Structure formats: structure tokens, C-alpha cells
Amino acid sequence: MNFSLFFVHFTWVTVAIAILFPNAASAATPLKPQNSSSSVQVPDRLNPNPNPLQFPTKPEEVKIQGTVPISLAQALELAKRNNRDLQVAILQLERSRSALRESQAALFPTLGINSSVTNSGNGFSSNSSQANTSSQASTSFNGSAQLNYNLYTSGNRQASIRAAEEQLRVDELNVESQSLTIRLNATTQYYNLQQADEQVRINRSAVVNAQASLRDTQAREQAGVGTRFDVLQAQVNLANAQQVLTNAISQQQIARRQLATLLSLSQSVDISASDPVQLAGLWPQTVEQSIVQAFQNRPDLQQYLGQRNISEQQRRQALSQLGPQISLAGNYNLLDRYNDGVSITDGYSVGLQGNLTLFDGGAARARADQSKANIAIAETQFANQRDLIRFDVEQYYAQLQSNLNNVQTSSVALNQAREALNLARLRFQAGVGTQTEVIDAENDLTRAEGNRVAAILDYNRALANLQRSVTSRASR
């Protein structure tokens, strides 16, 4: 068999393509995700089952076996590892990488090989004169190789690759946006858990205060200096405090399960907040600087620009169907009939093929007009998102300032409430005050503690939302 002619021809085409498209091989190399290492240590018992199709069927498989305290840093690390919305966004990014490699395959020729072995004869017949059919049968081998390459596509190939590149960039921005959103949700849910924990602590303290007041009134009644009315007031106040505590414990359990669901934790583990309630930090920039930085950094704005670029490439793809299409086609054939006394025969053909659509009923231009409309939609959405980003920054900046003032005010009010409760108890024990004053002072102290915790956590929530709105890459 003589394949020398075909091999030389194929080698020449490969060299020509390498000269015309020197970046084709490098462009087809997929982008590798950057692996980020974290120093945050997370207990192994919090990690979920690696099988996403796990389906517990027994009560003991979902029974809570213990509560693990975690910090905010650990919650963010778990969210980054386990959150399924982020995993879906990463899988969509991998899909776009594969789509880009598919579109870049058009930079290379297609090569196919066909072969067949055939046995043929005159057939079988009952006629005795044709009984010997084996001498008339023959076996032959036929093989061919085809090479095709699109030399000129009126910009369709380049537009397809650029559209795939833009889609990859959009999905990369989507992963970043999902990461920021999940970080914000995990932070907010952690602050909600902290607030639920603090409400349980405050209401337990209120129950202890109510029990102390009840003991004081009962002792005064037994000494003959108190009344049954004071005892009933103290008992009602204690019952109300216990009911509020019961509701707070229920909200604490709900907050724990909400955060556990967001972090996709193990089915048998519960969590609690280990970080103390304190200010998360200060925002160093003015509102104007924050707005400009948000415009520069927000990935959703870049996503709309990416969608606009995709629509532009799709418009070019549609119009390319009206231009000429030129392709190179090569074919090599090989034929050998066994036991016929003739050597192997082969042949080849090389040619250019051209195609030009003269009239398509306006379909290509209609597709181009659809893409133009998509471009206008993306531009309008960009402008709308830009205004929403400014509003978000201004809104959370205002909340940040007001909550910071509330933290200072509530701290002063808490000290005053504690002092007022001490004075009310001293007045009651000295016989110059009433039980109602003590109960009011206890309720004021409970409200003051709750207001201070709410002010701190509202400030932290506003700070987290402002950081998400500005999306400072330096801080990540």
C-alpha cells in the first residue's frame, strides 16, 4: 500500500494551518481554575456526606448528635466549600470552558477515514450449470480518507469563538457574584444567630431578675410589710418573662437550622455562634468614594457588558451567512481486489468549494435584528443596574451611620437602665418604692440590652451589605 502521497498532502495542510493560525493551539488550551488555600480550620464532623443523592431513611440518621460552636470565619469557609448554588455556578463555568473548546475546534481541519471489505459474487441458483459459484466470488478492500477545512467563513468562525469567550467571561463573573452573595448570606445568617443567642441570654437574665423580685415580694409578704397584690404582680411578670424566653429559644433553634442549611452541613450536627457580639469594623471611605468603587468593581455590571458583547458576536454570526463560504476538501482513495492479478490502485482529489447565499427570505437579517434588540436590552439593564448599585451604596451607608449612632446611644441607655434597676430595688427594700417600679425597671433593662445588641448587629449587617455593594477586590 502506498500512503506517501496522502501523508505528504496532509502534512502540508497541517503546516499551512500552523502558519496561518499560530495561536490556534494555545487558544484551545482550557483555562485552569485558580486553587485558593485557606488557613481556616473546620471540624471534619461538620462536612456533609460527599454523595449529593444521599437520602436518609431512618430517624437516627437525621437526629442531632451534638452542637458545634463555629466562628464567622469558619462559617464563611464552610459556605465556600459546601454551598450548592456556588457549586452549580462552578459547573456552569466548566460547561462554558468546554463550549469554548468546541468553538475553537473550527480552527482545525476535520479528518475522516472510511474502509470496507466486500465479498461479492453471482449468487446461488438451483441450476446445475451454475452450481459452482465459489469460482465467481471475489473479495475487495476499499479505503478512503477525507480532509476538510473552512478557509473563509465571512467572520462566522471568529464571531463564534469570541461569543464563547465572552460567555466564559460572563460565567466567571457569575461565579464571583455568587461567591459574594453567598458570603453576604452566610454573614447575615451568622449575625441572625448571634442575635438569637443574645436574645436567649437576655431573656434568661430577665427570668432570673423576675424570680429574684418574686422572692423579695414573697419575703415581704411573710414579714407583713408586703401585700398579696405585689406577689401576684411578680408572678405575672415571671410568667411573661418565661414565655418570652420560650419564644426566644424557638427562634434560636430556627436560626441555627437556617445557617446549617445555608452551609450544607452534616445531617446530624447543629451549630452555635462562638464569636462575641461586637462591631465588625469601620468603613473608611466617603459615600462618593464608595459609589465610584462600586461602579468599578461590581461583577454584575461587567456581566451585562459581557451579554452585550455576546449579542454583538451573534449579530455578526447571523450576517456572515450572507457572505461567501470557502472550504478546502481533499480525498484519497485506495482499492485492492484480491486474487485478480492486479496491483493496488489508488487516487486522490483536492479542490476548493465555494458557497454564497443569494436570497434566504430575510432570515439572516432577522436574526441580526434580534441580536441588535438584545444589545439594546443589555445596555438598558446595565444602566438600570448602575442606578440600583448607587442606591444600594447610599442606603447601606446611611444605615451604617445611623446604627453607629444607635450603638453609642444604646450603650449609655444600658448603663442607665442597670443603675435604675438597682435604685428601684433599694427603694422597694427600704419601703419607699413600689413593686411596679421594680418591674418597670427590669423591663427597661431587658429592652436596653436588646436594643444594644440589635444596634451592634444592625451595624454589622449594614457593613456587610455595604462591602457586598462595593465589592472591594483588595479586601478579598
Protein backbone atom coordinates (compact mmCIF):
# COMPACT_ATOMS: atom_id res chain seq x y z
CA MET A 1 0.00 0.00 0.00
CA ASN A 2 1.30 3.43 -0.94
CA PHE A 3 0.18 6.17 1.52
CA SER A 4 3.04 8.53 0.76
CA LEU A 5 1.05 10.91 -1.43
CA PHE A 6 -1.76 11.28 1.15
CA PHE A 7 0.67 11.67 4.08
CA VAL A 8 2.67 14.40 2.31
CA HIS A 9 -0.52 16.24 1.39
CA PHE A 10 -1.89 16.09 4.96
CA THR A 11 1.43 17.28 6.40
CA TRP A 12 1.48 20.27 4.04
CA VAL A 13 -2.06 21.29 5.11
CA THR A 14 -1.13 21.00 8.80
CA VAL A 15 1.94 23.21 8.33
CA ALA A 16 -0.12 25.77 6.40
CA ILE A 17 -2.70 25.96 9.17
CA ALA A 18 0.04 26.40 11.77
CA ILE A 19 1.43 29.34 9.75
CA LEU A 20 -1.97 30.97 9.18
CA PHE A 21 -3.19 30.47 12.77
CA PRO A 22 -0.18 30.46 15.10
CA ASN A 23 -2.36 30.96 18.19
CA ALA A 24 -4.80 28.17 17.44
CA ALA A 25 -3.11 25.57 19.61
CA SER A 26 -2.68 27.88 22.56
CA ALA A 27 -6.22 29.20 22.22
CA ALA A 28 -7.59 25.70 22.52
CA THR A 29 -5.91 25.19 25.91
CA PRO A 30 -8.59 25.42 28.61
CA LEU A 31 -8.34 27.96 31.39
CA LYS A 32 -7.48 26.33 34.71
CA PRO A 33 -9.25 27.48 37.84
CA GLN A 34 -7.08 29.02 40.50
CA ASN A 35 -6.92 26.96 43.66
CA SER A 36 -7.18 29.06 46.77
CA SER A 37 -5.89 27.64 50.03
CA SER A 38 -7.41 28.74 53.31
CA SER A 39 -5.86 28.63 56.77
CA VAL A 40 -9.26 28.41 58.48
CA GLN A 41 -9.64 25.06 60.21
CA VAL A 42 -13.10 23.49 60.14
CA PRO A 43 -14.10 20.40 62.19
CA ASP A 44 -14.49 17.35 59.97
CA ARG A 45 -17.77 16.38 61.61
CA LEU A 46 -19.39 19.47 60.04
CA ASN A 47 -18.68 18.35 56.48
CA PRO A 48 -21.69 16.82 54.71
CA ASN A 49 -21.89 13.45 53.03
CA PRO A 50 -19.98 13.67 49.71
CA ASN A 51 -22.86 11.88 47.97
CA PRO A 52 -25.31 14.60 46.82
CA LEU A 53 -28.01 11.95 46.35
CA GLN A 54 -27.95 10.86 49.99
CA PHE A 55 -31.49 10.16 51.20
CA PRO A 56 -31.82 9.40 54.93
CA THR A 57 -34.47 6.78 55.67
CA LYS A 58 -34.03 6.28 59.44
CA PRO A 59 -34.72 8.76 62.27
CA GLU A 60 -31.28 8.21 63.78
CA GLU A 61 -29.67 9.38 60.53
CA VAL A 62 -31.10 12.89 60.95
CA LYS A 63 -31.02 13.06 64.75
CA ILE A 64 -28.87 15.90 66.08
CA GLN A 65 -25.90 14.31 67.84
CA GLY A 66 -24.29 17.49 69.15
CA THR A 67 -23.80 21.24 68.80
CA VAL A 68 -20.52 22.63 67.49
CA PRO A 69 -19.65 26.31 68.09
CA ILE A 70 -18.19 27.97 65.00
CA SER A 71 -16.77 31.39 64.25
CA LEU A 72 -17.78 33.67 61.40
CA ALA A 73 -14.56 32.81 59.55
CA GLN A 74 -15.39 29.11 59.78
CA ALA A 75 -18.94 29.76 58.58
CA LEU A 76 -17.61 31.60 55.53
CA GLU A 77 -15.15 28.79 54.79
CA LEU A 78 -17.94 26.19 55.02
CA ALA A 79 -20.14 28.27 52.75
CA LYS A 80 -17.36 28.49 50.17
CA ARG A 81 -16.79 24.73 50.30
CA ASN A 82 -20.31 23.36 50.53
CA ASN A 83 -22.84 25.82 49.16
CA ARG A 84 -24.65 24.13 46.30
CA ASP A 85 -25.58 27.31 44.45
CA LEU A 86 -21.89 28.12 44.19
CA GLN A 87 -21.18 24.57 43.03
CA VAL A 88 -23.76 24.95 40.27
CA ALA A 89 -22.14 28.22 39.16
CA ILE A 90 -18.73 26.50 39.03
CA LEU A 91 -20.18 23.65 36.95
CA GLN A 92 -21.70 26.19 34.56
CA LEU A 93 -18.24 27.74 34.24
CA GLU A 94 -16.76 24.36 33.36
CA ARG A 95 -19.51 23.91 30.78
CA SER A 96 -18.57 27.23 29.19
CA ARG A 97 -14.92 26.18 29.04
CA SER A 98 -15.95 23.07 27.13
CA ALA A 99 -18.13 25.18 24.82
CA LEU A 100 -15.15 27.42 24.09
CA ARG A 101 -13.02 24.41 23.21
CA GLU A 102 -15.80 23.23 20.91
CA SER A 103 -15.90 26.55 19.06
CA GLN A 104 -12.08 26.66 18.83
CA ALA A 105 -12.16 23.27 17.11
CA ALA A 106 -13.22 25.14 13.95
CA LEU A 107 -9.64 26.45 13.71
CA PHE A 108 -8.51 22.95 12.74
CA PRO A 109 -9.38 20.74 9.75
CA THR A 110 -11.55 17.66 10.07
CA LEU A 111 -10.08 14.34 9.03
CA GLY A 112 -12.05 11.14 8.49
CA ILE A 113 -11.15 7.63 7.36
CA ASN A 114 -13.55 5.09 5.81
CA SER A 115 -12.80 1.49 4.91
CA SER A 116 -14.72 -1.60 3.84
CA VAL A 117 -14.05 -5.25 2.94
CA THR A 118 -16.60 -6.71 0.49
CA ASN A 119 -17.20 -10.22 -0.77
CA SER A 120 -19.32 -10.37 -3.93
CA GLY A 121 -20.42 -12.98 -6.44
CA ASN A 122 -23.13 -14.04 -8.90
CA GLY A 123 -25.39 -15.54 -6.24
CA PHE A 124 -26.81 -19.08 -5.74
CA SER A 125 -29.12 -20.87 -8.13
CA SER A 126 -30.71 -24.34 -8.34
CA ASN A 127 -29.47 -24.69 -11.95
CA SER A 128 -26.74 -27.32 -12.08
CA SER A 129 -24.83 -25.34 -14.68
CA GLN A 130 -24.35 -22.55 -12.14
CA ALA A 131 -23.73 -24.79 -9.12
CA ASN A 132 -20.11 -23.80 -8.80
CA THR A 133 -20.34 -20.22 -7.59
CA SER A 134 -17.22 -20.10 -5.49
CA SER A 135 -15.03 -19.52 -8.55
CA GLN A 136 -17.03 -16.42 -9.45
CA ALA A 137 -16.87 -14.78 -5.95
CA SER A 138 -14.35 -12.02 -5.22
CA THR A 139 -13.18 -10.09 -2.15
CA SER A 140 -12.11 -6.46 -2.30
CA PHE A 141 -10.84 -3.79 0.11
CA ASN A 142 -11.81 -0.15 -0.34
CA GLY A 143 -10.45 2.67 1.82
CA SER A 144 -10.63 6.45 1.67
CA ALA A 145 -9.53 9.45 3.72
CA GLN A 146 -11.20 12.86 3.63
CA LEU A 147 -9.79 16.19 4.73
CA ASN A 148 -11.99 19.31 5.02
CA TYR A 149 -11.15 22.78 6.21
CA ASN A 150 -13.13 26.01 6.09
CA LEU A 151 -10.75 28.58 4.66
CA TYR A 152 -13.11 31.56 4.79
CA THR A 153 -16.41 31.89 6.65
CA SER A 154 -17.16 35.62 6.32
CA GLY A 155 -16.39 36.07 10.03
CA ASN A 156 -18.65 33.29 11.33
CA ARG A 157 -15.83 31.28 12.91
CA GLN A 158 -14.22 34.27 14.63
CA ALA A 159 -17.58 35.50 15.92
CA SER A 160 -18.42 32.08 17.29
CA ILE A 161 -15.13 31.86 19.20
CA ARG A 162 -15.45 35.39 20.56
CA ALA A 163 -19.01 34.73 21.68
CA ALA A 164 -17.84 31.62 23.53
CA GLU A 165 -15.02 33.62 25.13
CA GLU A 166 -17.47 36.27 26.28
CA GLN A 167 -19.79 33.60 27.68
CA LEU A 168 -16.87 32.12 29.60
CA ARG A 169 -16.10 35.57 31.00
CA VAL A 170 -19.75 36.06 31.97
CA ASP A 171 -19.78 32.74 33.80
CA GLU A 172 -16.52 33.61 35.57
CA LEU A 173 -18.16 36.83 36.75
CA ASN A 174 -21.21 34.81 37.77
CA VAL A 175 -19.04 32.60 39.99
CA GLU A 176 -17.58 35.73 41.57
CA SER A 177 -21.02 37.24 42.06
CA GLN A 178 -22.36 34.01 43.55
CA SER A 179 -19.38 33.85 45.91
CA LEU A 180 -20.04 37.38 47.11
CA THR A 181 -23.77 36.76 47.52
CA ILE A 182 -23.18 33.54 49.46
CA ARG A 183 -20.62 35.31 51.63
CA LEU A 184 -23.16 38.03 52.40
CA ASN A 185 -25.93 35.50 53.13
CA ALA A 186 -23.66 33.47 55.43
CA THR A 187 -22.55 36.61 57.24
CA THR A 188 -26.12 37.84 57.66
CA GLN A 189 -27.34 34.44 58.88
CA TYR A 190 -24.45 34.30 61.35
CA TYR A 191 -25.43 37.70 62.73
CA ASN A 192 -29.03 36.49 62.97
CA LEU A 193 -27.81 33.52 65.01
CA GLN A 194 -25.79 35.81 67.25
CA GLN A 195 -28.88 37.94 67.82
CA ALA A 196 -30.97 34.87 68.61
CA ASP A 197 -28.33 33.67 71.09
CA GLU A 198 -28.23 37.08 72.74
CA GLN A 199 -32.00 37.21 72.99
CA VAL A 200 -31.94 33.88 74.82
CA ARG A 201 -29.26 35.19 77.17
CA ILE A 202 -31.10 38.45 77.82
CA ASN A 203 -34.43 36.75 78.43
CA ARG A 204 -32.84 34.22 80.74
CA SER A 205 -31.41 37.12 82.69
CA ALA A 206 -34.89 38.66 82.74
CA VAL A 207 -36.30 35.42 84.17
CA VAL A 208 -33.62 35.43 86.87
CA ASN A 209 -34.47 39.04 87.74
CA ALA A 210 -38.17 38.23 87.83
CA GLN A 211 -37.51 35.26 90.11
CA ALA A 212 -35.46 37.49 92.45
CA SER A 213 -38.27 40.03 92.54
CA LEU A 214 -40.78 37.31 93.31
CA ARG A 215 -38.67 36.06 96.20
CA ASP A 216 -38.40 39.59 97.57
CA THR A 217 -42.16 40.18 97.42
CA GLN A 218 -42.91 36.81 99.00
CA ALA A 219 -40.46 37.55 101.81
CA ARG A 220 -42.04 40.96 102.39
CA GLU A 221 -45.49 39.39 102.44
CA GLN A 222 -44.39 36.82 105.02
CA ALA A 223 -42.85 39.65 107.11
CA GLY A 224 -46.13 41.52 107.00
CA VAL A 225 -44.81 44.55 105.15
CA GLY A 226 -45.91 43.44 101.69
CA THR A 227 -49.21 42.71 100.01
CA ARG A 228 -50.68 39.81 98.07
CA PHE A 229 -51.11 42.18 95.12
CA ASP A 230 -47.32 42.67 94.92
CA VAL A 231 -46.83 38.89 94.88
CA LEU A 232 -49.36 38.43 92.09
CA GLN A 233 -47.69 41.19 90.08
CA ALA A 234 -44.31 39.49 90.46
CA GLN A 235 -45.77 36.10 89.48
CA VAL A 236 -47.37 37.54 86.34
CA ASN A 237 -44.10 39.28 85.45
CA LEU A 238 -42.20 35.99 85.88
CA ALA A 239 -44.71 34.09 83.73
CA ASN A 240 -44.40 36.70 80.97
CA ALA A 241 -40.61 36.54 81.10
CA GLN A 242 -40.67 32.73 80.87
CA GLN A 243 -42.97 32.88 77.85
CA VAL A 244 -40.71 35.36 76.09
CA LEU A 245 -37.72 33.08 76.88
CA THR A 246 -39.52 30.08 75.39
CA ASN A 247 -40.15 32.01 72.16
CA ALA A 248 -36.52 33.17 72.09
CA ILE A 249 -35.27 29.57 72.39
CA SER A 250 -37.51 28.59 69.49
CA GLN A 251 -36.11 31.42 67.35
CA GLN A 252 -32.60 30.35 68.31
CA GLN A 253 -33.24 26.81 67.05
CA ILE A 254 -34.67 28.16 63.80
CA ALA A 255 -31.66 30.46 63.29
CA ARG A 256 -29.29 27.55 63.84
CA ARG A 257 -31.02 25.35 61.27
CA GLN A 258 -31.20 28.21 58.75
CA LEU A 259 -27.45 28.72 58.93
CA ALA A 260 -26.81 24.96 58.85
CA THR A 261 -28.94 24.68 55.69
CA LEU A 262 -27.11 27.55 54.02
CA LEU A 263 -23.75 25.96 54.83
CA SER A 264 -24.94 22.48 53.70
CA LEU A 265 -23.70 20.86 56.90
CA SER A 266 -23.92 17.27 58.05
CA GLN A 267 -27.39 15.95 58.81
CA SER A 268 -26.57 15.08 62.45
CA VAL A 269 -24.76 18.22 63.65
CA ASP A 270 -26.07 21.53 64.94
CA ILE A 271 -24.06 24.74 65.31
CA SER A 272 -23.88 27.79 67.53
CA ALA A 273 -22.10 31.13 67.24
CA SER A 274 -18.77 31.34 69.07
CA ASP A 275 -17.83 34.93 68.20
CA PRO A 276 -18.79 37.63 70.70
CA VAL A 277 -21.18 40.37 69.65
CA GLN A 278 -19.06 43.37 68.77
CA LEU A 279 -18.57 45.89 65.98
CA ALA A 280 -17.16 44.21 62.86
CA GLY A 281 -15.11 47.24 61.84
CA LEU A 282 -15.30 50.77 60.46
CA TRP A 283 -15.85 51.92 56.89
CA PRO A 284 -13.01 54.27 55.91
CA GLN A 285 -14.43 55.77 52.69
CA THR A 286 -16.91 58.51 51.96
CA VAL A 287 -20.17 57.72 50.24
CA GLU A 288 -18.92 59.26 46.98
CA GLN A 289 -15.75 57.15 47.01
CA SER A 290 -17.83 54.07 47.78
CA ILE A 291 -20.15 54.70 44.82
CA VAL A 292 -17.26 55.08 42.37
CA GLN A 293 -15.55 51.98 43.70
CA ALA A 294 -18.79 50.00 43.38
CA PHE A 295 -19.12 51.03 39.73
CA GLN A 296 -15.58 49.82 39.07
CA ASN A 297 -15.78 46.51 40.92
CA ARG A 298 -19.29 45.11 40.70
CA PRO A 299 -19.23 41.90 38.62
CA ASP A 300 -22.92 42.19 37.66
CA LEU A 301 -22.19 45.37 35.70
CA GLN A 302 -19.46 43.55 33.80
CA GLN A 303 -21.88 40.68 33.18
CA TYR A 304 -24.28 42.98 31.35
CA LEU A 305 -21.39 44.24 29.22
CA GLY A 306 -20.48 40.62 28.51
CA GLN A 307 -24.05 39.85 27.46
CA ARG A 308 -23.93 42.86 25.15
CA ASN A 309 -20.71 41.57 23.56
CA ILE A 310 -22.23 38.11 23.12
CA SER A 311 -25.21 39.59 21.30
CA GLU A 312 -22.86 41.60 19.08
CA GLN A 313 -20.98 38.44 18.07
CA GLN A 314 -24.27 36.65 17.45
CA ARG A 315 -25.28 39.52 15.16
CA ARG A 316 -22.07 39.04 13.19
CA GLN A 317 -22.67 35.32 13.00
CA ALA A 318 -26.11 35.92 11.52
CA LEU A 319 -24.81 38.35 8.88
CA SER A 320 -21.93 36.03 7.99
CA GLN A 321 -24.47 33.62 6.47
CA LEU A 322 -24.98 36.17 3.68
CA GLY A 323 -21.27 36.23 2.80
CA PRO A 324 -19.22 33.73 0.79
CA GLN A 325 -18.12 30.47 2.38
CA ILE A 326 -14.95 28.87 1.01
CA SER A 327 -13.65 25.48 2.11
CA LEU A 328 -10.82 23.15 1.16
CA ALA A 329 -11.62 19.49 0.50
CA GLY A 330 -9.16 16.67 -0.08
CA ASN A 331 -9.81 12.98 -0.70
CA TYR A 332 -7.58 9.94 -1.07
CA ASN A 333 -8.93 6.52 -2.28
CA LEU A 334 -7.39 3.08 -2.14
CA LEU A 335 -8.78 -0.05 -3.86
CA ASP A 336 -7.49 -3.62 -3.84
CA ARG A 337 -9.31 -6.66 -5.31
CA TYR A 338 -7.80 -9.88 -4.02
CA ASN A 339 -6.69 -12.71 -6.36
CA ASP A 340 -7.33 -10.74 -9.56
CA GLY A 341 -3.71 -10.39 -10.62
CA VAL A 342 -3.94 -6.58 -10.49
CA SER A 343 -1.92 -4.47 -8.03
CA ILE A 344 -3.41 -1.93 -5.63
CA THR A 345 -4.92 1.13 -7.27
CA ASP A 346 -5.21 4.49 -5.58
CA GLY A 347 -6.17 8.05 -6.39
CA TYR A 348 -6.66 11.47 -4.85
CA SER A 349 -8.52 14.70 -5.37
CA VAL A 350 -8.03 18.22 -3.97
CA GLY A 351 -10.34 21.13 -4.54
CA LEU A 352 -11.89 24.34 -3.30
CA GLN A 353 -15.58 24.68 -2.67
CA GLY A 354 -17.44 27.98 -2.56
CA ASN A 355 -20.94 28.84 -1.43
CA LEU A 356 -22.86 32.11 -1.50
CA THR A 357 -26.45 32.55 -0.39
CA LEU A 358 -28.19 34.93 -2.76
CA PHE A 359 -31.59 35.00 -1.06
CA ASP A 360 -32.76 33.46 2.23
CA GLY A 361 -36.08 35.24 2.62
CA GLY A 362 -34.57 37.72 5.11
CA ALA A 363 -33.88 35.09 7.80
CA ALA A 364 -30.25 36.11 8.42
CA ARG A 365 -31.06 39.81 8.78
CA ALA A 366 -33.98 38.96 11.04
CA ARG A 367 -31.62 37.06 13.33
CA ALA A 368 -29.24 40.02 13.23
CA ASP A 369 -32.09 42.35 14.23
CA GLN A 370 -32.91 40.07 17.17
CA SER A 371 -29.31 40.36 18.33
CA LYS A 372 -29.46 44.14 17.95
CA ALA A 373 -32.50 44.17 20.21
CA ASN A 374 -30.63 42.02 22.73
CA ILE A 375 -27.77 44.54 22.63
CA ALA A 376 -30.18 47.36 23.46
CA ILE A 377 -31.71 45.29 26.27
CA ALA A 378 -28.29 44.63 27.80
CA GLU A 379 -27.41 48.32 27.63
CA THR A 380 -30.70 49.27 29.31
CA GLN A 381 -30.19 46.66 32.02
CA PHE A 382 -26.66 47.98 32.56
CA ALA A 383 -27.98 51.50 33.14
CA ASN A 384 -30.70 50.23 35.47
CA GLN A 385 -28.25 48.11 37.48
CA ARG A 386 -25.88 51.06 37.75
CA ASP A 387 -28.62 53.16 39.38
CA LEU A 388 -29.55 50.29 41.71
CA ILE A 389 -25.92 49.92 42.76
CA ARG A 390 -25.73 53.60 43.67
CA PHE A 391 -28.94 53.31 45.67
CA ASP A 392 -27.62 50.24 47.50
CA VAL A 393 -24.40 52.02 48.46
CA GLU A 394 -26.25 55.12 49.64
CA GLN A 395 -28.84 53.06 51.52
CA TYR A 396 -26.37 50.89 53.43
CA TYR A 397 -24.04 53.82 54.05
CA ALA A 398 -26.90 55.73 55.69
CA GLN A 399 -27.85 52.66 57.73
CA LEU A 400 -24.23 52.25 58.79
CA GLN A 401 -24.03 55.80 60.11
CA SER A 402 -27.37 55.67 61.93
CA ASN A 403 -26.64 52.27 63.51
CA LEU A 404 -23.25 53.51 64.71
CA ASN A 405 -25.04 56.36 66.48
CA ASN A 406 -27.54 53.87 67.89
CA VAL A 407 -24.71 51.75 69.31
CA GLN A 408 -23.40 54.75 71.25
CA THR A 409 -26.88 55.74 72.45
CA SER A 410 -27.88 52.21 73.45
CA SER A 411 -24.65 51.72 75.41
CA VAL A 412 -25.42 54.80 77.50
CA ALA A 413 -29.03 53.70 77.93
CA LEU A 414 -27.93 50.23 79.09
CA ASN A 415 -25.76 51.66 81.87
CA GLN A 416 -28.60 53.95 82.94
CA ALA A 417 -31.09 51.05 82.96
CA ARG A 418 -28.82 48.96 85.21
CA GLU A 419 -28.42 51.85 87.62
CA ALA A 420 -32.17 52.49 87.61
CA LEU A 421 -32.90 48.83 88.44
CA ASN A 422 -30.51 48.90 91.38
CA LEU A 423 -32.12 52.08 92.70
CA ALA A 424 -35.63 50.69 92.25
CA ARG A 425 -34.75 47.58 94.25
CA LEU A 426 -33.14 49.61 97.02
CA ARG A 427 -36.20 51.87 97.19
CA PHE A 428 -38.50 48.85 97.28
CA GLN A 429 -36.48 47.16 100.02
CA ALA A 430 -36.45 50.41 102.01
CA GLY A 431 -40.21 50.67 101.71
CA VAL A 432 -40.24 53.92 99.76
CA GLY A 433 -40.75 52.33 96.34
CA THR A 434 -43.27 50.01 94.75
CA GLN A 435 -43.09 46.63 93.09
CA THR A 436 -44.36 48.22 89.90
CA GLU A 437 -41.27 50.42 89.75
CA VAL A 438 -39.03 47.35 90.07
CA ILE A 439 -40.89 45.50 87.31
CA ASP A 440 -40.73 48.53 85.04
CA ALA A 441 -37.00 48.88 85.70
CA GLU A 442 -36.44 45.19 84.91
CA ASN A 443 -38.34 45.51 81.64
CA ASP A 444 -36.38 48.66 80.79
CA LEU A 445 -33.12 46.81 81.38
CA THR A 446 -34.23 43.94 79.16
CA ARG A 447 -35.18 46.36 76.38
CA ALA A 448 -31.92 48.30 76.77
CA GLU A 449 -29.83 45.12 76.45
CA GLY A 450 -31.86 44.03 73.42
CA ASN A 451 -31.54 47.48 71.83
CA ARG A 452 -27.77 47.49 72.25
CA VAL A 453 -27.40 44.01 70.73
CA ALA A 454 -29.73 44.95 67.86
CA ALA A 455 -27.82 48.18 67.21
CA ILE A 456 -24.46 46.38 67.03
CA LEU A 457 -25.74 43.60 64.79
CA ASP A 458 -27.68 46.01 62.57
CA TYR A 459 -24.45 47.94 62.16
CA ASN A 460 -22.62 44.73 61.24
CA ARG A 461 -25.33 43.80 58.74
CA ALA A 462 -25.17 47.23 57.14
CA LEU A 463 -21.38 46.95 56.95
CA ALA A 464 -21.62 43.51 55.31
CA ASN A 465 -24.16 44.80 52.78
CA LEU A 466 -22.02 47.84 52.04
CA GLN A 467 -18.98 45.65 51.49
CA ARG A 468 -21.03 43.48 49.13
CA SER A 469 -22.31 46.54 47.28
CA VAL A 470 -18.84 48.00 46.82
CA THR A 471 -17.15 44.62 46.25
CA SER A 472 -13.60 45.64 47.02
CA ARG A 473 -11.29 43.12 45.37
CA ALA A 474 -8.43 44.26 47.60
CA SER A 475 -10.30 43.04 50.65
CA ARG A 476 -10.72 39.56 49.13
